[in-house]
PDB file of all heavy atoms in Angstrom:
ATOM      1  N   ARG A   1     -14.107  51.323  37.172  1.00  0.00           N
ATOM      2  CA  ARG A   1     -15.361  50.708  37.594  1.00  0.00           C
ATOM      3  C   ARG A   1     -16.418  50.847  36.502  1.00  0.00           C
ATOM      4  O   ARG A   1     -17.216  49.936  36.267  1.00  0.00           O
ATOM      5  CB  ARG A   1     -15.844  51.317  38.909  1.00  0.00           C
ATOM      6  CG  ARG A   1     -15.052  50.846  40.128  1.00  0.00           C
ATOM      7  CD  ARG A   1     -15.795  51.112  41.424  1.00  0.00           C
ATOM      8  NE  ARG A   1     -15.967  52.540  41.671  1.00  0.00           N
ATOM      9  CZ  ARG A   1     -15.072  53.300  42.305  1.00  0.00           C
ATOM     10  NH1 ARG A   1     -13.946  52.771  42.764  1.00  0.00           N
ATOM     11  NH2 ARG A   1     -15.293  54.587  42.508  1.00  0.00           N
ATOM     12  N   SER A   2     -16.404  51.998  35.827  1.00  0.00           N
ATOM     13  CA  SER A   2     -17.320  52.183  34.696  1.00  0.00           C
ATOM     14  C   SER A   2     -16.998  51.202  33.577  1.00  0.00           C
ATOM     15  O   SER A   2     -17.890  50.569  32.998  1.00  0.00           O
ATOM     16  CB  SER A   2     -17.226  53.619  34.167  1.00  0.00           C
ATOM     17  OG  SER A   2     -17.639  54.546  35.126  1.00  0.00           O
ATOM     18  N   VAL A   3     -15.713  51.070  33.264  1.00  0.00           N
ATOM     19  CA  VAL A   3     -15.298  50.203  32.163  1.00  0.00           C
ATOM     20  C   VAL A   3     -15.734  48.765  32.404  1.00  0.00           C
ATOM     21  O   VAL A   3     -16.293  48.110  31.505  1.00  0.00           O
ATOM     22  CB  VAL A   3     -13.768  50.280  31.961  1.00  0.00           C
ATOM     23  CG1 VAL A   3     -13.285  49.162  31.045  1.00  0.00           C
ATOM     24  CG2 VAL A   3     -13.370  51.635  31.400  1.00  0.00           C
ATOM     25  N   PHE A   4     -15.515  48.260  33.629  1.00  0.00           N
ATOM     26  CA  PHE A   4     -15.734  46.834  33.858  1.00  0.00           C
ATOM     27  C   PHE A   4     -17.084  46.504  34.482  1.00  0.00           C
ATOM     28  O   PHE A   4     -17.512  45.348  34.394  1.00  0.00           O
ATOM     29  CB  PHE A   4     -14.596  46.271  34.706  1.00  0.00           C
ATOM     30  CG  PHE A   4     -13.277  46.314  33.988  1.00  0.00           C
ATOM     31  CD1 PHE A   4     -12.290  47.219  34.364  1.00  0.00           C
ATOM     32  CD2 PHE A   4     -13.046  45.492  32.912  1.00  0.00           C
ATOM     33  CE1 PHE A   4     -11.087  47.283  33.687  1.00  0.00           C
ATOM     34  CE2 PHE A   4     -11.837  45.546  32.215  1.00  0.00           C
ATOM     35  CZ  PHE A   4     -10.864  46.448  32.607  1.00  0.00           C
ATOM     36  N   ARG A   5     -17.758  47.474  35.051  1.00  0.00           N
ATOM     37  CA  ARG A   5     -19.051  47.172  35.655  1.00  0.00           C
ATOM     38  C   ARG A   5     -20.213  47.752  34.849  1.00  0.00           C
ATOM     39  O   ARG A   5     -21.197  47.062  34.599  1.00  0.00           O
ATOM     40  CB  ARG A   5     -19.074  47.658  37.104  1.00  0.00           C
ATOM     41  CG  ARG A   5     -18.125  46.823  37.981  1.00  0.00           C
ATOM     42  CD  ARG A   5     -18.064  47.308  39.400  1.00  0.00           C
ATOM     43  NE  ARG A   5     -17.176  46.431  40.186  1.00  0.00           N
ATOM     44  CZ  ARG A   5     -16.734  46.729  41.403  1.00  0.00           C
ATOM     45  NH1 ARG A   5     -17.090  47.864  41.993  1.00  0.00           N
ATOM     46  NH2 ARG A   5     -15.926  45.890  42.041  1.00  0.00           N
ATOM     47  N   ARG A   6     -20.081  49.004  34.442  1.00  0.00           N
ATOM     48  CA  ARG A   6     -21.163  49.611  33.668  1.00  0.00           C
ATOM     49  C   ARG A   6     -21.085  49.215  32.192  1.00  0.00           C
ATOM     50  O   ARG A   6     -22.089  48.824  31.592  1.00  0.00           O
ATOM     51  CB  ARG A   6     -21.138  51.127  33.813  1.00  0.00           C
ATOM     52  CG  ARG A   6     -22.322  51.815  33.136  1.00  0.00           C
ATOM     53  CD  ARG A   6     -22.380  53.278  33.505  1.00  0.00           C
ATOM     54  NE  ARG A   6     -23.511  53.938  32.897  1.00  0.00           N
ATOM     55  CZ  ARG A   6     -24.757  53.915  33.357  1.00  0.00           C
ATOM     56  NH1 ARG A   6     -25.022  53.216  34.457  1.00  0.00           N
ATOM     57  NH2 ARG A   6     -25.728  54.552  32.750  1.00  0.00           N
ATOM     58  N   PHE A   7     -19.881  49.327  31.611  1.00  0.00           N
ATOM     59  CA  PHE A   7     -19.726  49.009  30.189  1.00  0.00           C
ATOM     60  C   PHE A   7     -19.550  47.511  29.943  1.00  0.00           C
ATOM     61  O   PHE A   7     -19.628  47.061  28.819  1.00  0.00           O
ATOM     62  CB  PHE A   7     -18.523  49.754  29.593  1.00  0.00           C
ATOM     63  CG  PHE A   7     -18.516  51.238  29.821  1.00  0.00           C
ATOM     64  CD1 PHE A   7     -17.329  51.944  29.787  1.00  0.00           C
ATOM     65  CD2 PHE A   7     -19.695  51.933  30.073  1.00  0.00           C
ATOM     66  CE1 PHE A   7     -17.303  53.315  29.990  1.00  0.00           C
ATOM     67  CE2 PHE A   7     -19.691  53.305  30.282  1.00  0.00           C
ATOM     68  CZ  PHE A   7     -18.492  53.997  30.258  1.00  0.00           C
ATOM     69  N   ARG A   8     -19.257  46.766  31.000  1.00  0.00           N
ATOM     70  CA  ARG A   8     -19.132  45.304  30.970  1.00  0.00           C
ATOM     71  C   ARG A   8     -18.033  44.839  30.011  1.00  0.00           C
ATOM     72  O   ARG A   8     -18.184  43.842  29.300  1.00  0.00           O
ATOM     73  CB  ARG A   8     -20.476  44.662  30.624  1.00  0.00           C
ATOM     74  CG  ARG A   8     -21.571  44.923  31.650  1.00  0.00           C
ATOM     75  CD  ARG A   8     -22.853  44.269  31.251  1.00  0.00           C
ATOM     76  NE  ARG A   8     -22.715  42.807  31.194  1.00  0.00           N
ATOM     77  CZ  ARG A   8     -23.578  42.026  30.546  1.00  0.00           C
ATOM     78  NH1 ARG A   8     -24.588  42.536  29.881  1.00  0.00           N
ATOM     79  NH2 ARG A   8     -23.393  40.715  30.552  1.00  0.00           N
ATOM     80  N   ALA A   9     -16.937  45.554  30.003  1.00  0.00           N
ATOM     81  CA  ALA A   9     -15.794  45.138  29.194  1.00  0.00           C
ATOM     82  C   ALA A   9     -15.137  43.909  29.803  1.00  0.00           C
ATOM     83  O   ALA A   9     -15.248  43.647  31.012  1.00  0.00           O
ATOM     84  CB  ALA A   9     -14.787  46.273  29.089  1.00  0.00           C
ATOM     85  N   GLU A  10     -14.461  43.139  28.958  1.00  0.00           N
ATOM     86  CA  GLU A  10     -13.727  41.970  29.407  1.00  0.00           C
ATOM     87  C   GLU A  10     -12.275  42.088  28.972  1.00  0.00           C
ATOM     88  O   GLU A  10     -11.961  42.791  28.009  1.00  0.00           O
ATOM     89  CB  GLU A  10     -14.369  40.698  28.840  1.00  0.00           C
ATOM     90  CG  GLU A  10     -15.848  40.601  29.227  1.00  0.00           C
ATOM     91  CD  GLU A  10     -16.452  39.240  28.982  1.00  0.00           C
ATOM     92  OE1 GLU A  10     -15.743  38.359  28.472  1.00  0.00           O
ATOM     93  OE2 GLU A  10     -17.638  39.070  29.311  1.00  0.00           O
ATOM     94  N   VAL A  11     -11.380  41.423  29.693  1.00  0.00           N
ATOM     95  CA  VAL A  11      -9.949  41.535  29.443  1.00  0.00           C
ATOM     96  C   VAL A  11      -9.426  40.233  28.866  1.00  0.00           C
ATOM     97  O   VAL A  11      -9.763  39.139  29.341  1.00  0.00           O
ATOM     98  CB  VAL A  11      -9.180  41.886  30.737  1.00  0.00           C
ATOM     99  CG1 VAL A  11      -7.676  41.934  30.479  1.00  0.00           C
ATOM    100  CG2 VAL A  11      -9.650  43.228  31.278  1.00  0.00           C
ATOM    101  N   LEU A  12      -8.601  40.364  27.861  1.00  0.00           N
ATOM    102  CA  LEU A  12      -7.905  39.232  27.262  1.00  0.00           C
ATOM    103  C   LEU A  12      -6.425  39.340  27.606  1.00  0.00           C
ATOM    104  O   LEU A  12      -5.797  40.374  27.358  1.00  0.00           O
ATOM    105  CB  LEU A  12      -8.090  39.248  25.737  1.00  0.00           C
ATOM    106  CG  LEU A  12      -7.205  38.318  24.908  1.00  0.00           C
ATOM    107  CD1 LEU A  12      -7.395  36.873  25.329  1.00  0.00           C
ATOM    108  CD2 LEU A  12      -7.487  38.502  23.428  1.00  0.00           C
ATOM    109  N   VAL A  13      -5.855  38.283  28.192  1.00  0.00           N
ATOM    110  CA  VAL A  13      -4.434  38.252  28.543  1.00  0.00           C
ATOM    111  C   VAL A  13      -3.778  37.060  27.851  1.00  0.00           C
ATOM    112  O   VAL A  13      -4.458  36.125  27.404  1.00  0.00           O
ATOM    113  CB  VAL A  13      -4.224  38.170  30.068  1.00  0.00           C
ATOM    114  CG1 VAL A  13      -4.780  39.406  30.762  1.00  0.00           C
ATOM    115  CG2 VAL A  13      -4.866  36.900  30.635  1.00  0.00           C
ATOM    116  N   ASN A  14      -2.444  37.098  27.769  1.00  0.00           N
ATOM    117  CA  ASN A  14      -1.732  36.056  27.020  1.00  0.00           C
ATOM    118  C   ASN A  14      -0.919  35.109  27.892  1.00  0.00           C
ATOM    119  O   ASN A  14      -0.132  34.318  27.374  1.00  0.00           O
ATOM    120  CB  ASN A  14      -0.827  36.695  25.959  1.00  0.00           C
ATOM    121  CG  ASN A  14       0.253  37.571  26.568  1.00  0.00           C
ATOM    122  OD1 ASN A  14       0.415  37.622  27.792  1.00  0.00           O
ATOM    123  ND2 ASN A  14       0.981  38.270  25.733  1.00  0.00           N
ATOM    124  N   SER A  15      -1.100  35.178  29.221  1.00  0.00           N
ATOM    125  CA  SER A  15      -0.417  34.220  30.096  1.00  0.00           C
ATOM    126  C   SER A  15      -1.244  33.992  31.353  1.00  0.00           C
ATOM    127  O   SER A  15      -1.967  34.888  31.817  1.00  0.00           O
ATOM    128  CB  SER A  15       0.989  34.712  30.477  1.00  0.00           C
ATOM    129  OG  SER A  15       0.928  35.764  31.414  1.00  0.00           O
ATOM    130  N   GLY A  16      -1.125  32.783  31.896  1.00  0.00           N
ATOM    131  CA  GLY A  16      -1.848  32.453  33.109  1.00  0.00           C
ATOM    132  C   GLY A  16      -1.383  33.248  34.306  1.00  0.00           C
ATOM    133  O   GLY A  16      -2.181  33.611  35.174  1.00  0.00           O
ATOM    134  N   SER A  17      -0.078  33.538  34.358  1.00  0.00           N
ATOM    135  CA  SER A  17       0.440  34.312  35.486  1.00  0.00           C
ATOM    136  C   SER A  17      -0.116  35.730  35.467  1.00  0.00           C
ATOM    137  O   SER A  17      -0.406  36.306  36.526  1.00  0.00           O
ATOM    138  CB  SER A  17       1.973  34.334  35.439  1.00  0.00           C
ATOM    139  OG  SER A  17       2.444  34.846  34.212  1.00  0.00           O
ATOM    140  N   LEU A  18      -0.281  36.296  34.288  1.00  0.00           N
ATOM    141  CA  LEU A  18      -0.865  37.632  34.184  1.00  0.00           C
ATOM    142  C   LEU A  18      -2.334  37.611  34.601  1.00  0.00           C
ATOM    143  O   LEU A  18      -2.805  38.511  35.316  1.00  0.00           O
ATOM    144  CB  LEU A  18      -0.708  38.139  32.747  1.00  0.00           C
ATOM    145  CG  LEU A  18      -1.218  39.542  32.424  1.00  0.00           C
ATOM    146  CD1 LEU A  18      -0.677  40.569  33.401  1.00  0.00           C
ATOM    147  CD2 LEU A  18      -0.839  39.909  30.993  1.00  0.00           C
ATOM    148  N   LYS A  19      -3.048  36.596  34.208  1.00  0.00           N
ATOM    149  CA  LYS A  19      -4.457  36.473  34.614  1.00  0.00           C
ATOM    150  C   LYS A  19      -4.581  36.400  36.133  1.00  0.00           C
ATOM    151  O   LYS A  19      -5.396  37.109  36.733  1.00  0.00           O
ATOM    152  CB  LYS A  19      -5.071  35.236  33.964  1.00  0.00           C
ATOM    153  CG  LYS A  19      -6.505  34.965  34.407  1.00  0.00           C
ATOM    154  CD  LYS A  19      -7.092  33.749  33.710  1.00  0.00           C
ATOM    155  CE  LYS A  19      -8.504  33.488  34.197  1.00  0.00           C
ATOM    156  NZ  LYS A  19      -9.143  32.341  33.485  1.00  0.00           N
ATOM    157  N   GLN A  20      -3.778  35.545  36.748  1.00  0.00           N
ATOM    158  CA  GLN A  20      -3.864  35.398  38.199  1.00  0.00           C
ATOM    159  C   GLN A  20      -3.467  36.667  38.926  1.00  0.00           C
ATOM    160  O   GLN A  20      -4.055  37.014  39.959  1.00  0.00           O
ATOM    161  CB  GLN A  20      -3.001  34.217  38.655  1.00  0.00           C
ATOM    162  CG  GLN A  20      -3.541  32.870  38.200  1.00  0.00           C
ATOM    163  CD  GLN A  20      -5.000  32.666  38.573  1.00  0.00           C
ATOM    164  OE1 GLN A  20      -5.404  32.899  39.717  1.00  0.00           O
ATOM    165  NE2 GLN A  20      -5.799  32.232  37.599  1.00  0.00           N
ATOM    166  N   ALA A  21      -2.473  37.391  38.386  1.00  0.00           N
ATOM    167  CA  ALA A  21      -2.054  38.648  39.012  1.00  0.00           C
ATOM    168  C   ALA A  21      -3.180  39.670  38.974  1.00  0.00           C
ATOM    169  O   ALA A  21      -3.421  40.378  39.963  1.00  0.00           O
ATOM    170  CB  ALA A  21      -0.808  39.182  38.316  1.00  0.00           C
ATOM    171  N   LEU A  22      -3.874  39.772  37.852  1.00  0.00           N
ATOM    172  CA  LEU A  22      -4.989  40.713  37.753  1.00  0.00           C
ATOM    173  C   LEU A  22      -6.087  40.371  38.751  1.00  0.00           C
ATOM    174  O   LEU A  22      -6.583  41.248  39.470  1.00  0.00           O
ATOM    175  CB  LEU A  22      -5.573  40.698  36.335  1.00  0.00           C
ATOM    176  CG  LEU A  22      -4.895  41.517  35.250  1.00  0.00           C
ATOM    177  CD1 LEU A  22      -5.681  41.397  33.955  1.00  0.00           C
ATOM    178  CD2 LEU A  22      -4.777  42.980  35.647  1.00  0.00           C
ATOM    179  N   ILE A  23      -6.464  39.110  38.789  1.00  0.00           N
ATOM    180  CA  ILE A  23      -7.556  38.698  39.683  1.00  0.00           C
ATOM    181  C   ILE A  23      -7.170  38.891  41.143  1.00  0.00           C
ATOM    182  O   ILE A  23      -7.998  39.297  41.969  1.00  0.00           O
ATOM    183  CB  ILE A  23      -7.935  37.233  39.389  1.00  0.00           C
ATOM    184  CG1 ILE A  23      -8.542  37.115  37.989  1.00  0.00           C
ATOM    185  CG2 ILE A  23      -8.903  36.705  40.447  1.00  0.00           C
ATOM    186  CD1 ILE A  23      -8.802  35.690  37.536  1.00  0.00           C
ATOM    187  N   SER A  24      -5.904  38.651  41.469  1.00  0.00           N
ATOM    188  CA  SER A  24      -5.448  38.791  42.856  1.00  0.00           C
ATOM    189  C   SER A  24      -5.342  40.242  43.283  1.00  0.00           C
ATOM    190  O   SER A  24      -5.570  40.571  44.452  1.00  0.00           O
ATOM    191  CB  SER A  24      -4.091  38.112  43.029  1.00  0.00           C
ATOM    192  OG  SER A  24      -4.166  36.742  42.746  1.00  0.00           O
ATOM    193  N   ASP A  25      -4.983  41.129  42.337  1.00  0.00           N
ATOM    194  CA  ASP A  25      -4.654  42.508  42.692  1.00  0.00           C
ATOM    195  C   ASP A  25      -5.838  43.461  42.700  1.00  0.00           C
ATOM    196  O   ASP A  25      -5.735  44.555  43.254  1.00  0.00           O
ATOM    197  CB  ASP A  25      -3.604  43.062  41.726  1.00  0.00           C
ATOM    198  CG  ASP A  25      -2.252  42.390  41.895  1.00  0.00           C
ATOM    199  OD1 ASP A  25      -2.083  41.665  42.899  1.00  0.00           O
ATOM    200  OD2 ASP A  25      -1.374  42.575  41.034  1.00  0.00           O
ATOM    201  N   SER A  26      -6.955  43.093  42.083  1.00  0.00           N
ATOM    202  CA  SER A  26      -8.049  44.065  41.951  1.00  0.00           C
ATOM    203  C   SER A  26      -9.408  43.391  42.068  1.00  0.00           C
ATOM    204  O   SER A  26      -9.635  42.335  41.465  1.00  0.00           O
ATOM    205  CB  SER A  26      -7.956  44.777  40.598  1.00  0.00           C
ATOM    206  OG  SER A  26      -9.098  45.603  40.387  1.00  0.00           O
ATOM    207  N   PRO A  27     -10.334  44.012  42.798  1.00  0.00           N
ATOM    208  CA  PRO A  27     -11.699  43.475  42.890  1.00  0.00           C
ATOM    209  C   PRO A  27     -12.485  43.633  41.596  1.00  0.00           C
ATOM    210  O   PRO A  27     -13.594  43.092  41.476  1.00  0.00           O
ATOM    211  CB  PRO A  27     -12.321  44.296  44.021  1.00  0.00           C
ATOM    212  CG  PRO A  27     -11.560  45.580  44.014  1.00  0.00           C
ATOM    213  CD  PRO A  27     -10.153  45.216  43.632  1.00  0.00           C
ATOM    214  N   LEU A  28     -11.929  44.363  40.624  1.00  0.00           N
ATOM    215  CA  LEU A  28     -12.615  44.552  39.350  1.00  0.00           C
ATOM    216  C   LEU A  28     -12.575  43.299  38.484  1.00  0.00           C
ATOM    217  O   LEU A  28     -13.353  43.178  37.537  1.00  0.00           O
ATOM    218  CB  LEU A  28     -11.987  45.716  38.576  1.00  0.00           C
ATOM    219  CG  LEU A  28     -12.085  47.097  39.212  1.00  0.00           C
ATOM    220  CD1 LEU A  28     -11.294  48.106  38.398  1.00  0.00           C
ATOM    221  CD2 LEU A  28     -13.542  47.529  39.324  1.00  0.00           C
ATOM    222  N   PHE A  29     -11.662  42.364  38.818  1.00  0.00           N
ATOM    223  CA  PHE A  29     -11.432  41.228  37.940  1.00  0.00           C
ATOM    224  C   PHE A  29     -11.790  39.912  38.615  1.00  0.00           C
ATOM    225  O   PHE A  29     -11.646  39.756  39.833  1.00  0.00           O
ATOM    226  CB  PHE A  29      -9.978  41.202  37.482  1.00  0.00           C
ATOM    227  CG  PHE A  29      -9.572  42.459  36.756  1.00  0.00           C
ATOM    228  CD1 PHE A  29      -8.616  43.307  37.291  1.00  0.00           C
ATOM    229  CD2 PHE A  29     -10.170  42.796  35.556  1.00  0.00           C
ATOM    230  CE1 PHE A  29      -8.251  44.466  36.634  1.00  0.00           C
ATOM    231  CE2 PHE A  29      -9.814  43.959  34.882  1.00  0.00           C
ATOM    232  CZ  PHE A  29      -8.857  44.793  35.417  1.00  0.00           C
ATOM    233  N   SER A  30     -12.218  38.977  37.802  1.00  0.00           N
ATOM    234  CA  SER A  30     -12.567  37.639  38.289  1.00  0.00           C
ATOM    235  C   SER A  30     -12.416  36.659  37.131  1.00  0.00           C
ATOM    236  O   SER A  30     -12.107  37.048  36.000  1.00  0.00           O
ATOM    237  CB  SER A  30     -14.008  37.617  38.801  1.00  0.00           C
ATOM    238  OG  SER A  30     -14.902  37.803  37.712  1.00  0.00           O
ATOM    239  N   GLU A  31     -12.673  35.401  37.412  1.00  0.00           N
ATOM    240  CA  GLU A  31     -12.647  34.392  36.353  1.00  0.00           C
ATOM    241  C   GLU A  31     -13.663  34.698  35.263  1.00  0.00           C
ATOM    242  O   GLU A  31     -13.504  34.274  34.118  1.00  0.00           O
ATOM    243  CB  GLU A  31     -12.936  33.005  36.938  1.00  0.00           C
ATOM    244  CG  GLU A  31     -11.835  32.454  37.822  1.00  0.00           C
ATOM    245  CD  GLU A  31     -10.616  31.999  37.010  1.00  0.00           C
ATOM    246  OE1 GLU A  31     -10.752  31.809  35.782  1.00  0.00           O
ATOM    247  OE2 GLU A  31      -9.539  31.837  37.616  1.00  0.00           O
ATOM    248  N   ARG A  32     -14.673  35.461  35.600  1.00  0.00           N
ATOM    249  CA  ARG A  32     -15.725  35.760  34.628  1.00  0.00           C
ATOM    250  C   ARG A  32     -15.273  36.726  33.554  1.00  0.00           C
ATOM    251  O   ARG A  32     -15.642  36.585  32.384  1.00  0.00           O
ATOM    252  CB  ARG A  32     -16.952  36.359  35.350  1.00  0.00           C
ATOM    253  CG  ARG A  32     -18.132  36.636  34.425  1.00  0.00           C
ATOM    254  CD  ARG A  32     -19.150  37.553  35.067  1.00  0.00           C
ATOM    255  NE  ARG A  32     -18.578  38.861  35.352  1.00  0.00           N
ATOM    256  CZ  ARG A  32     -18.407  39.812  34.441  1.00  0.00           C
ATOM    257  NH1 ARG A  32     -18.729  39.596  33.181  1.00  0.00           N
ATOM    258  NH2 ARG A  32     -17.900  40.987  34.773  1.00  0.00           N
ATOM    259  N   ASN A  33     -14.461  37.733  33.924  1.00  0.00           N
ATOM    260  CA  ASN A  33     -14.167  38.778  32.931  1.00  0.00           C
ATOM    261  C   ASN A  33     -12.695  38.863  32.526  1.00  0.00           C
ATOM    262  O   ASN A  33     -12.306  39.813  31.848  1.00  0.00           O
ATOM    263  CB  ASN A  33     -14.661  40.141  33.421  1.00  0.00           C
ATOM    264  CG  ASN A  33     -13.897  40.657  34.634  1.00  0.00           C
ATOM    265  OD1 ASN A  33     -13.076  39.943  35.222  1.00  0.00           O
ATOM    266  ND2 ASN A  33     -14.165  41.896  35.023  1.00  0.00           N
ATOM    267  N   VAL A  34     -11.883  37.891  32.933  1.00  0.00           N
ATOM    268  CA  VAL A  34     -10.491  37.835  32.471  1.00  0.00           C
ATOM    269  C   VAL A  34     -10.308  36.512  31.740  1.00  0.00           C
ATOM    270  O   VAL A  34     -10.553  35.434  32.307  1.00  0.00           O
ATOM    271  CB  VAL A  34      -9.489  37.950  33.633  1.00  0.00           C
ATOM    272  CG1 VAL A  34      -8.057  37.917  33.092  1.00  0.00           C
ATOM    273  CG2 VAL A  34      -9.719  39.243  34.418  1.00  0.00           C
TER     274      VAL A  34
END
């Protein structure tokens, strides 16, 4: 939560399926930061 909300880090992924899995599996991720 610190990494993605306080530090405002963003995630770079190399496949659409990985992006969708992250967004689906955790409230920390959204279209904004993945």
